Amino acid sequence: MNTDITYIKAIELLQKSSSSEGFLASAQNISNYKRVWARDGVICGLSALASGEKDLIDTFEKTLETLAKNQHSKGTIPSNVMTNDLETKVSYGGLAGRVDAITWFIIGICQYAFYKKEPSFVEKHKPNIEKCLSLMEAWEFNNNHLMYVPLSGNWADEYITDGYVLYDQLLRIWALRSYNHFVKDDAIAIKIEKIKEQIELNFTPNSKGEKYHERTYNEIEFDNFMPCSFSPAGYKLQFDAFANSLALLLNIGSESFQQATIQHAEKIRNKKGLKLIPAFWPPITETDADWNLLKNNFKYEFRNHPNEFHNGGSWPMVNGFYGLALLAKNQKEQAKDLLNAINTSNQKEAFSFYENFNTETEKPNGVPFCAWSAAATILLNQSITTNFKLLI
């Protein structure tokens, strides 16, 4: 499966990306990536747990402590933290805050405690987590169980999703389930079911019950997956590979719908030379209505050309989670095939572990030596070969 050498190189990259404050986004000396990021750091941390490597697990703990120490008084978890000998710079987001920093932080705390069998670690950070939970309640705005996420409010920070973004609702369920594994609070259990109910009601076809946006729900033609987001302006219908992978992992939607989602994903993946599933599909082009929204949503340089970056680019990290979803649905052979594809991409240009790839030309994009690209190899490899399990 092209596994052994790529796995070794992936471990080495995470070690090179380790700092006294936690995991850096890249081992490359690029200022915006030479920081401890919430989502990147936790995803690398999950792979550290999967690896069983003590030094990496220790770096995961440092990552979580850095995020906790720099939590805003209102509850926001930093998008990223940059430290040096002179000062600490904390960012809670750029043009918009990062909603997923909070959920990844909670997931990270609980996964670490679960792996280490140390409930005291959750107890220690309970004040941090409770602030996060209160803030997520406030972000519902209409008190109807789904958070409202601004444009640029999560990992797809230069894409078009906004409003009730599927990915963020699913991460919230995972965070609440993880936390409730330890605190066993009936109110949290009820909240999880309410969020799940609203996701299935508003993101799956032929559901029965009052919708958030009844008119547009009835106007769109659902496919065999959950659309990426909706807002007062209507639905955005692209296939979000990360979000739908989380839906499969968390067992959201009927069994038949989940199987149809896998079939849809595999159909896309197997038509591509990389044999990876694009982050969002199909790409937005200049003739599409959302092109103006996409082309203006960047701070430094435009990267969302069709088939690149979030706009149809293929990310090893996203595919790592899709692989975990395949395993959760007993699709082990497909997961092995996907791991082979991830490793083949991570090996390009002498194991450069690029951030993402152009889905059509197969050329690398973004930053090399990207830590969470290495995390994809480690997480999926260990889940296949050692039966490593996350707390879901």
Protein backbone atom coordinates (compact mmCIF):
# COMPACT_ATOMS: atom_id res chain seq x y z
CA MET A 1 0.00 0.00 0.00
CA ASN A 2 3.01 2.32 -0.32
CA THR A 3 2.68 2.51 3.44
CA ASP A 4 5.88 1.77 5.29
CA ILE A 5 8.19 4.46 3.92
CA THR A 6 5.42 7.07 3.73
CA TYR A 7 4.40 6.29 7.30
CA ILE A 8 7.97 6.73 8.52
CA LYS A 9 8.30 10.01 6.63
CA ALA A 10 4.94 11.17 8.04
CA ILE A 11 6.11 10.51 11.60
CA GLU A 12 9.33 12.39 10.88
CA LEU A 13 7.38 15.36 9.50
CA LEU A 14 5.21 15.57 12.63
CA GLN A 15 8.36 15.48 14.73
CA LYS A 16 9.85 18.32 12.66
CA SER A 17 6.57 20.23 13.05
CA SER A 18 6.66 19.91 16.83
CA SER A 19 7.50 22.91 18.97
CA SER A 20 7.56 23.76 22.66
CA GLU A 21 4.02 25.18 22.24
CA GLY A 22 2.55 22.35 20.17
CA PHE A 23 2.18 21.24 16.55
CA LEU A 24 2.95 23.80 13.85
CA ALA A 25 0.91 23.67 10.66
CA SER A 26 3.99 23.09 8.52
CA ALA A 27 7.66 22.29 8.97
CA GLN A 28 8.31 24.84 6.23
CA ASN A 29 9.46 28.28 7.41
CA ILE A 30 6.32 30.13 6.31
CA SER A 31 5.07 32.66 8.88
CA ASN A 32 1.35 31.92 8.65
CA TYR A 33 1.99 28.19 8.99
CA LYS A 34 4.66 28.43 11.68
CA ARG A 35 1.94 28.70 14.29
CA VAL A 36 -0.07 26.43 16.52
CA TRP A 37 -3.47 26.19 14.80
CA ALA A 38 -6.50 24.78 16.59
CA ARG A 39 -7.87 22.52 13.86
CA ASP A 40 -4.48 21.58 12.36
CA GLY A 41 -3.02 20.94 15.79
CA VAL A 42 -5.87 18.73 16.95
CA ILE A 43 -5.94 16.72 13.72
CA CYS A 44 -2.18 16.19 14.06
CA GLY A 45 -2.81 15.30 17.68
CA LEU A 46 -5.33 12.62 16.75
CA SER A 47 -2.71 11.09 14.49
CA ALA A 48 -0.20 11.31 17.34
CA LEU A 49 -2.55 9.21 19.48
CA ALA A 50 -2.94 6.76 16.61
CA SER A 51 0.84 6.46 16.27
CA GLY A 52 1.42 5.75 19.96
CA GLU A 53 4.63 7.84 19.75
CA LYS A 54 5.17 9.39 23.19
CA ASP A 55 6.97 12.48 21.94
CA LEU A 56 4.14 13.28 19.53
CA ILE A 57 1.49 12.64 22.18
CA ASP A 58 3.35 15.04 24.47
CA THR A 59 3.31 17.65 21.70
CA PHE A 60 -0.45 17.14 21.39
CA GLU A 61 -0.84 17.93 25.08
CA LYS A 62 1.24 21.10 24.60
CA THR A 63 -1.00 22.07 21.68
CA LEU A 64 -4.12 21.77 23.80
CA GLU A 65 -2.58 23.67 26.71
CA THR A 66 -1.49 26.49 24.39
CA LEU A 67 -5.04 26.81 23.04
CA ALA A 68 -6.59 26.67 26.51
CA LYS A 69 -4.19 29.24 27.91
CA ASN A 70 -5.08 31.70 25.15
CA GLN A 71 -8.85 31.23 25.20
CA HIS A 72 -10.66 34.57 24.96
CA SER A 73 -12.67 35.71 27.97
CA LYS A 74 -15.83 35.31 25.85
CA GLY A 75 -14.95 31.66 25.22
CA THR A 76 -13.43 31.79 21.74
CA ILE A 77 -10.55 29.39 21.13
CA PRO A 78 -7.68 30.86 19.07
CA SER A 79 -7.62 30.08 15.40
CA ASN A 80 -3.85 30.12 15.82
CA VAL A 81 -1.13 31.16 18.23
CA MET A 82 2.35 32.32 17.24
CA THR A 83 5.01 32.38 19.90
CA ASN A 84 8.66 33.38 20.02
CA ASP A 85 11.09 34.48 22.68
CA LEU A 86 9.73 38.02 22.74
CA GLU A 87 5.95 37.80 22.46
CA THR A 88 2.85 35.73 21.84
CA LYS A 89 0.48 36.69 19.03
CA VAL A 90 -3.03 35.27 19.18
CA SER A 91 -5.49 35.27 16.29
CA TYR A 92 -9.16 34.35 16.65
CA GLY A 93 -9.66 34.59 12.88
CA GLY A 94 -9.07 37.00 10.03
CA LEU A 95 -11.99 38.67 8.30
CA ALA A 96 -14.25 36.39 10.34
CA GLY A 97 -13.81 34.28 13.45
CA ARG A 98 -13.28 30.52 13.22
CA VAL A 99 -16.21 28.56 14.58
CA ASP A 100 -14.46 25.21 14.20
CA ALA A 101 -11.58 26.18 16.49
CA ILE A 102 -13.94 25.67 19.43
CA THR A 103 -15.24 22.26 18.38
CA TRP A 104 -11.82 20.89 17.47
CA PHE A 105 -10.51 22.06 20.85
CA ILE A 106 -13.23 20.17 22.74
CA ILE A 107 -12.70 17.09 20.58
CA GLY A 108 -8.96 17.28 21.20
CA ILE A 109 -9.26 17.56 24.98
CA CYS A 110 -11.63 14.61 25.15
CA GLN A 111 -9.76 12.38 22.68
CA TYR A 112 -6.52 12.93 24.61
CA ALA A 113 -8.20 12.09 27.92
CA PHE A 114 -9.89 9.03 26.39
CA TYR A 115 -6.62 7.69 24.97
CA LYS A 116 -4.65 8.36 28.16
CA LYS A 117 -7.50 7.10 30.38
CA GLU A 118 -7.26 10.37 32.29
CA PRO A 119 -10.73 11.85 32.96
CA SER A 120 -8.95 14.38 35.16
CA PHE A 121 -7.69 16.09 31.98
CA VAL A 122 -11.28 16.84 30.97
CA GLU A 123 -12.08 17.95 34.52
CA LYS A 124 -9.08 20.30 34.47
CA HIS A 125 -10.34 21.95 31.29
CA LYS A 126 -14.02 21.85 32.17
CA PRO A 127 -14.19 25.67 32.62
CA ASN A 128 -12.70 26.11 29.13
CA ILE A 129 -15.16 23.63 27.63
CA GLU A 130 -18.19 25.09 29.39
CA LYS A 131 -17.34 28.53 27.98
CA CYS A 132 -17.18 26.98 24.52
CA LEU A 133 -20.56 25.32 24.98
CA SER A 134 -22.19 28.58 26.07
CA LEU A 135 -20.75 30.40 23.08
CA MET A 136 -22.04 27.77 20.66
CA GLU A 137 -25.51 28.17 22.17
CA ALA A 138 -25.27 31.92 21.52
CA TRP A 139 -24.21 31.28 17.92
CA GLU A 140 -27.55 29.60 17.25
CA PHE A 141 -29.13 33.08 17.29
CA ASN A 142 -32.64 31.65 16.82
CA ASN A 143 -32.25 29.04 19.61
CA ASN A 144 -33.22 26.27 17.23
CA HIS A 145 -30.16 24.00 17.60
CA LEU A 146 -28.11 24.86 14.50
CA MET A 147 -25.26 27.38 14.70
CA TYR A 148 -25.08 30.24 12.20
CA VAL A 149 -21.59 30.38 10.72
CA PRO A 150 -20.21 33.45 8.91
CA LEU A 151 -18.55 33.31 5.52
CA SER A 152 -14.90 32.31 6.11
CA GLY A 153 -15.89 30.92 9.51
CA ASN A 154 -14.14 27.55 9.33
CA TRP A 155 -11.38 25.56 7.61
CA ALA A 156 -12.82 26.39 4.15
CA ASP A 157 -12.07 30.02 4.87
CA GLU A 158 -11.97 31.20 1.24
CA TYR A 159 -14.94 29.18 0.03
CA ILE A 160 -18.64 30.06 -0.36
CA THR A 161 -20.25 28.23 2.58
CA ASP A 162 -22.04 30.31 5.18
CA GLY A 163 -25.12 30.23 7.36
CA TYR A 164 -26.06 26.76 8.52
CA VAL A 165 -22.88 25.00 7.43
CA LEU A 166 -23.11 21.21 7.62
CA TYR A 167 -19.47 20.65 8.63
CA ASP A 168 -19.76 22.85 11.72
CA GLN A 169 -23.02 21.29 12.94
CA LEU A 170 -21.45 17.82 12.68
CA LEU A 171 -18.29 18.86 14.51
CA ARG A 172 -20.50 20.21 17.28
CA ILE A 173 -22.20 16.83 17.63
CA TRP A 174 -18.79 15.11 17.79
CA ALA A 175 -17.58 17.60 20.41
CA LEU A 176 -20.71 17.18 22.55
CA ARG A 177 -20.61 13.39 22.30
CA SER A 178 -16.94 13.38 23.27
CA TYR A 179 -17.52 15.62 26.27
CA ASN A 180 -20.61 13.74 27.37
CA HIS A 181 -18.63 10.50 27.40
CA PHE A 182 -17.05 11.94 30.54
CA VAL A 183 -19.70 14.17 32.16
CA LYS A 184 -22.80 12.08 31.29
CA ASP A 185 -25.16 15.05 31.40
CA ASP A 186 -28.77 14.35 30.35
CA ALA A 187 -29.18 17.91 29.06
CA ILE A 188 -26.21 17.45 26.71
CA ALA A 189 -27.58 14.10 25.52
CA ILE A 190 -30.89 15.79 24.67
CA LYS A 191 -29.08 18.62 22.90
CA ILE A 192 -27.14 16.14 20.75
CA GLU A 193 -30.39 14.53 19.63
CA LYS A 194 -31.96 17.92 18.87
CA ILE A 195 -29.02 18.94 16.67
CA LYS A 196 -29.03 15.56 14.94
CA GLU A 197 -32.76 15.89 14.31
CA GLN A 198 -32.33 19.34 12.73
CA ILE A 199 -29.46 18.12 10.53
CA GLU A 200 -31.49 15.19 9.22
CA LEU A 201 -34.55 17.41 8.81
CA ASN A 202 -32.81 20.15 6.83
CA PHE A 203 -29.98 18.35 5.01
CA THR A 204 -31.53 15.07 3.87
CA PRO A 205 -34.29 14.50 1.27
CA ASN A 206 -37.91 13.61 2.00
CA SER A 207 -37.65 14.39 5.70
CA LYS A 208 -40.83 14.98 7.67
CA GLY A 209 -41.17 18.03 9.87
CA GLU A 210 -40.88 21.82 9.88
CA LYS A 211 -37.78 23.01 8.02
CA TYR A 212 -35.67 26.10 8.64
CA HIS A 213 -36.25 27.25 5.07
CA GLU A 214 -39.25 25.30 3.82
CA ARG A 215 -39.55 27.02 0.45
CA THR A 216 -35.98 26.51 -0.71
CA TYR A 217 -35.87 22.99 0.75
CA ASN A 218 -38.83 22.09 -1.45
CA GLU A 219 -37.36 23.82 -4.50
CA ILE A 220 -33.98 22.08 -4.60
CA GLU A 221 -33.24 18.63 -5.96
CA PHE A 222 -31.34 16.65 -3.34
CA ASP A 223 -28.65 14.20 -4.41
CA ASN A 224 -27.33 11.19 -2.47
CA PHE A 225 -25.46 13.35 0.04
CA MET A 226 -26.04 16.28 2.34
CA PRO A 227 -25.54 19.73 0.74
CA CYS A 228 -22.72 21.83 2.16
CA SER A 229 -24.78 24.70 3.64
CA PHE A 230 -27.91 26.81 3.53
CA SER A 231 -28.83 30.32 4.61
CA PRO A 232 -31.70 32.78 4.14
CA ALA A 233 -30.49 33.05 0.51
CA GLY A 234 -31.02 29.32 -0.07
CA TYR A 235 -28.94 26.14 -0.32
CA LYS A 236 -25.42 25.61 -1.63
CA LEU A 237 -25.43 22.14 -3.12
CA GLN A 238 -21.76 21.15 -3.56
CA PHE A 239 -20.63 17.80 -2.16
CA ASP A 240 -18.53 18.60 0.91
CA ALA A 241 -16.27 15.57 1.36
CA PHE A 242 -15.14 16.52 4.87
CA ALA A 243 -18.67 17.13 6.14
CA ASN A 244 -20.16 14.03 4.57
CA SER A 245 -17.28 11.96 5.96
CA LEU A 246 -18.13 13.28 9.43
CA ALA A 247 -21.80 12.42 8.84
CA LEU A 248 -20.79 8.83 8.06
CA LEU A 249 -18.46 8.63 11.06
CA LEU A 250 -21.14 9.98 13.37
CA ASN A 251 -23.84 7.79 11.81
CA ILE A 252 -26.13 10.67 10.81
CA GLY A 253 -28.90 9.89 8.30
CA SER A 254 -30.53 6.58 7.43
CA GLU A 255 -28.39 3.56 6.62
CA SER A 256 -29.57 3.54 3.01
CA PHE A 257 -28.76 7.24 2.63
CA GLN A 258 -25.28 6.71 4.07
CA GLN A 259 -24.60 3.86 1.65
CA ALA A 260 -25.77 6.06 -1.22
CA THR A 261 -23.38 8.78 -0.02
CA ILE A 262 -20.45 6.35 -0.14
CA GLN A 263 -21.44 5.25 -3.63
CA HIS A 264 -21.56 8.89 -4.73
CA ALA A 265 -18.17 9.63 -3.20
CA GLU A 266 -16.56 6.55 -4.73
CA LYS A 267 -17.98 7.40 -8.14
CA ILE A 268 -16.31 10.83 -7.99
CA ARG A 269 -13.04 9.48 -6.60
CA ASN A 270 -12.61 6.66 -9.08
CA LYS A 271 -12.99 9.03 -12.03
CA LYS A 272 -9.98 11.04 -10.87
CA GLY A 273 -6.35 10.24 -11.62
CA LEU A 274 -5.26 10.90 -8.05
CA LYS A 275 -7.96 8.51 -6.75
CA LEU A 276 -8.66 11.11 -4.06
CA ILE A 277 -11.99 12.75 -3.39
CA PRO A 278 -12.03 16.55 -3.91
CA ALA A 279 -12.83 18.75 -0.93
CA PHE A 280 -15.88 20.31 -2.61
CA TRP A 281 -17.39 19.07 -5.86
CA PRO A 282 -18.17 20.15 -8.52
CA PRO A 283 -15.86 23.16 -8.85
CA ILE A 284 -17.31 26.66 -9.25
CA THR A 285 -16.42 28.21 -12.61
CA GLU A 286 -16.64 31.71 -14.02
CA THR A 287 -20.06 30.96 -15.53
CA ASP A 288 -21.58 29.96 -12.18
CA ALA A 289 -23.71 32.28 -10.05
CA ASP A 290 -21.42 31.86 -7.02
CA TRP A 291 -18.24 32.83 -8.90
CA ASN A 292 -18.37 36.49 -7.79
CA LEU A 293 -18.74 35.44 -4.17
CA LEU A 294 -15.83 33.05 -4.50
CA LYS A 295 -13.45 35.34 -6.39
CA ASN A 296 -13.75 38.11 -3.78
CA ASN A 297 -13.38 35.91 -0.73
CA PHE A 298 -9.66 36.07 -0.11
CA LYS A 299 -7.32 38.26 1.89
CA TYR A 300 -3.91 37.97 0.21
CA GLU A 301 -4.13 36.08 -3.08
CA PHE A 302 -6.83 34.20 -4.96
CA ARG A 303 -6.25 30.46 -4.72
CA ASN A 304 -9.65 28.95 -5.52
CA HIS A 305 -9.17 28.37 -9.23
CA PRO A 306 -11.35 25.49 -10.46
CA ASN A 307 -9.97 22.12 -9.30
CA GLU A 308 -7.67 23.76 -6.77
CA PHE A 309 -7.64 24.57 -3.06
CA HIS A 310 -11.20 24.39 -1.65
CA ASN A 311 -12.75 24.76 -5.11
CA GLY A 312 -12.42 21.15 -6.18
CA GLY A 313 -8.85 20.60 -5.00
CA SER A 314 -7.88 17.26 -3.44
CA TRP A 315 -6.54 17.31 0.13
CA PRO A 316 -4.83 14.30 1.74
CA MET A 317 -6.16 15.48 5.12
CA VAL A 318 -9.79 15.42 3.97
CA ASN A 319 -9.25 12.00 2.41
CA GLY A 320 -7.88 10.71 5.69
CA PHE A 321 -11.25 11.41 7.32
CA TYR A 322 -13.08 9.90 4.38
CA GLY A 323 -10.97 6.78 4.90
CA LEU A 324 -12.02 6.67 8.55
CA ALA A 325 -15.63 6.94 7.40
CA LEU A 326 -15.16 4.01 5.02
CA LEU A 327 -13.77 1.91 7.87
CA ALA A 328 -16.70 2.90 10.08
CA LYS A 329 -19.00 1.50 7.38
CA ASN A 330 -17.00 -1.74 7.02
CA GLN A 331 -15.49 -0.74 3.66
CA LYS A 332 -11.95 -1.86 4.56
CA GLU A 333 -10.75 -2.67 1.05
CA GLN A 334 -11.85 0.71 -0.22
CA ALA A 335 -10.12 2.34 2.76
CA LYS A 336 -6.89 0.50 1.89
CA ASP A 337 -7.13 1.68 -1.69
CA LEU A 338 -7.66 5.22 -0.49
CA LEU A 339 -4.66 5.01 1.85
CA ASN A 340 -2.55 3.97 -1.12
CA ALA A 341 -3.77 7.05 -3.01
CA ILE A 342 -3.06 9.35 -0.05
CA ASN A 343 0.44 7.94 0.29
CA THR A 344 1.11 8.28 -3.43
CA SER A 345 0.17 11.97 -3.26
CA ASN A 346 2.16 12.56 -0.08
CA GLN A 347 5.22 11.02 -1.76
CA LYS A 348 5.19 13.51 -4.64
CA GLU A 349 8.33 15.64 -5.04
CA ALA A 350 10.40 13.57 -2.62
CA PHE A 351 7.80 13.25 0.14
CA SER A 352 6.80 16.91 0.19
CA PHE A 353 3.40 16.26 1.84
CA TYR A 354 1.69 19.09 -0.03
CA GLU A 355 -1.39 20.82 1.30
CA ASN A 356 -3.58 19.93 -1.70
CA PHE A 357 -3.48 18.99 -5.38
CA ASN A 358 -5.14 20.12 -8.59
CA THR A 359 -7.68 17.37 -9.14
CA GLU A 360 -7.37 17.44 -12.92
CA THR A 361 -3.65 18.11 -13.55
CA GLU A 362 -2.57 16.29 -10.34
CA LYS A 363 0.00 19.02 -9.68
CA PRO A 364 0.64 20.03 -6.04
CA ASN A 365 -0.77 23.24 -4.59
CA GLY A 366 -0.28 25.22 -1.44
CA VAL A 367 2.29 24.66 1.25
CA PRO A 368 4.71 21.71 1.28
CA PHE A 369 5.55 19.69 4.39
CA CYS A 370 2.02 20.25 5.65
CA ALA A 371 1.63 18.50 9.00
CA TRP A 372 -1.98 17.46 8.60
CA SER A 373 -1.23 15.84 5.24
CA ALA A 374 1.16 13.62 7.18
CA ALA A 375 -1.55 13.13 9.81
CA ALA A 376 -3.82 11.60 7.13
CA THR A 377 -1.30 8.85 6.40
CA ILE A 378 -0.80 8.10 10.09
CA LEU A 379 -4.46 8.14 11.14
CA LEU A 380 -5.70 5.95 8.34
CA ASN A 381 -2.72 3.58 8.38
CA GLN A 382 -3.09 2.92 12.11
CA SER A 383 -6.85 2.61 11.90
CA ILE A 384 -6.42 -0.10 9.25
CA THR A 385 -3.40 -1.94 10.62
CA THR A 386 -3.80 -1.63 14.41
CA ASN A 387 -7.58 -1.06 14.64
CA PHE A 388 -7.03 2.31 16.32
CA LYS A 389 -10.36 3.88 17.29
CA LEU A 390 -11.28 7.45 18.01
CA LEU A 391 -13.92 8.34 20.58
CA ILE A 392 -17.01 8.91 18.40
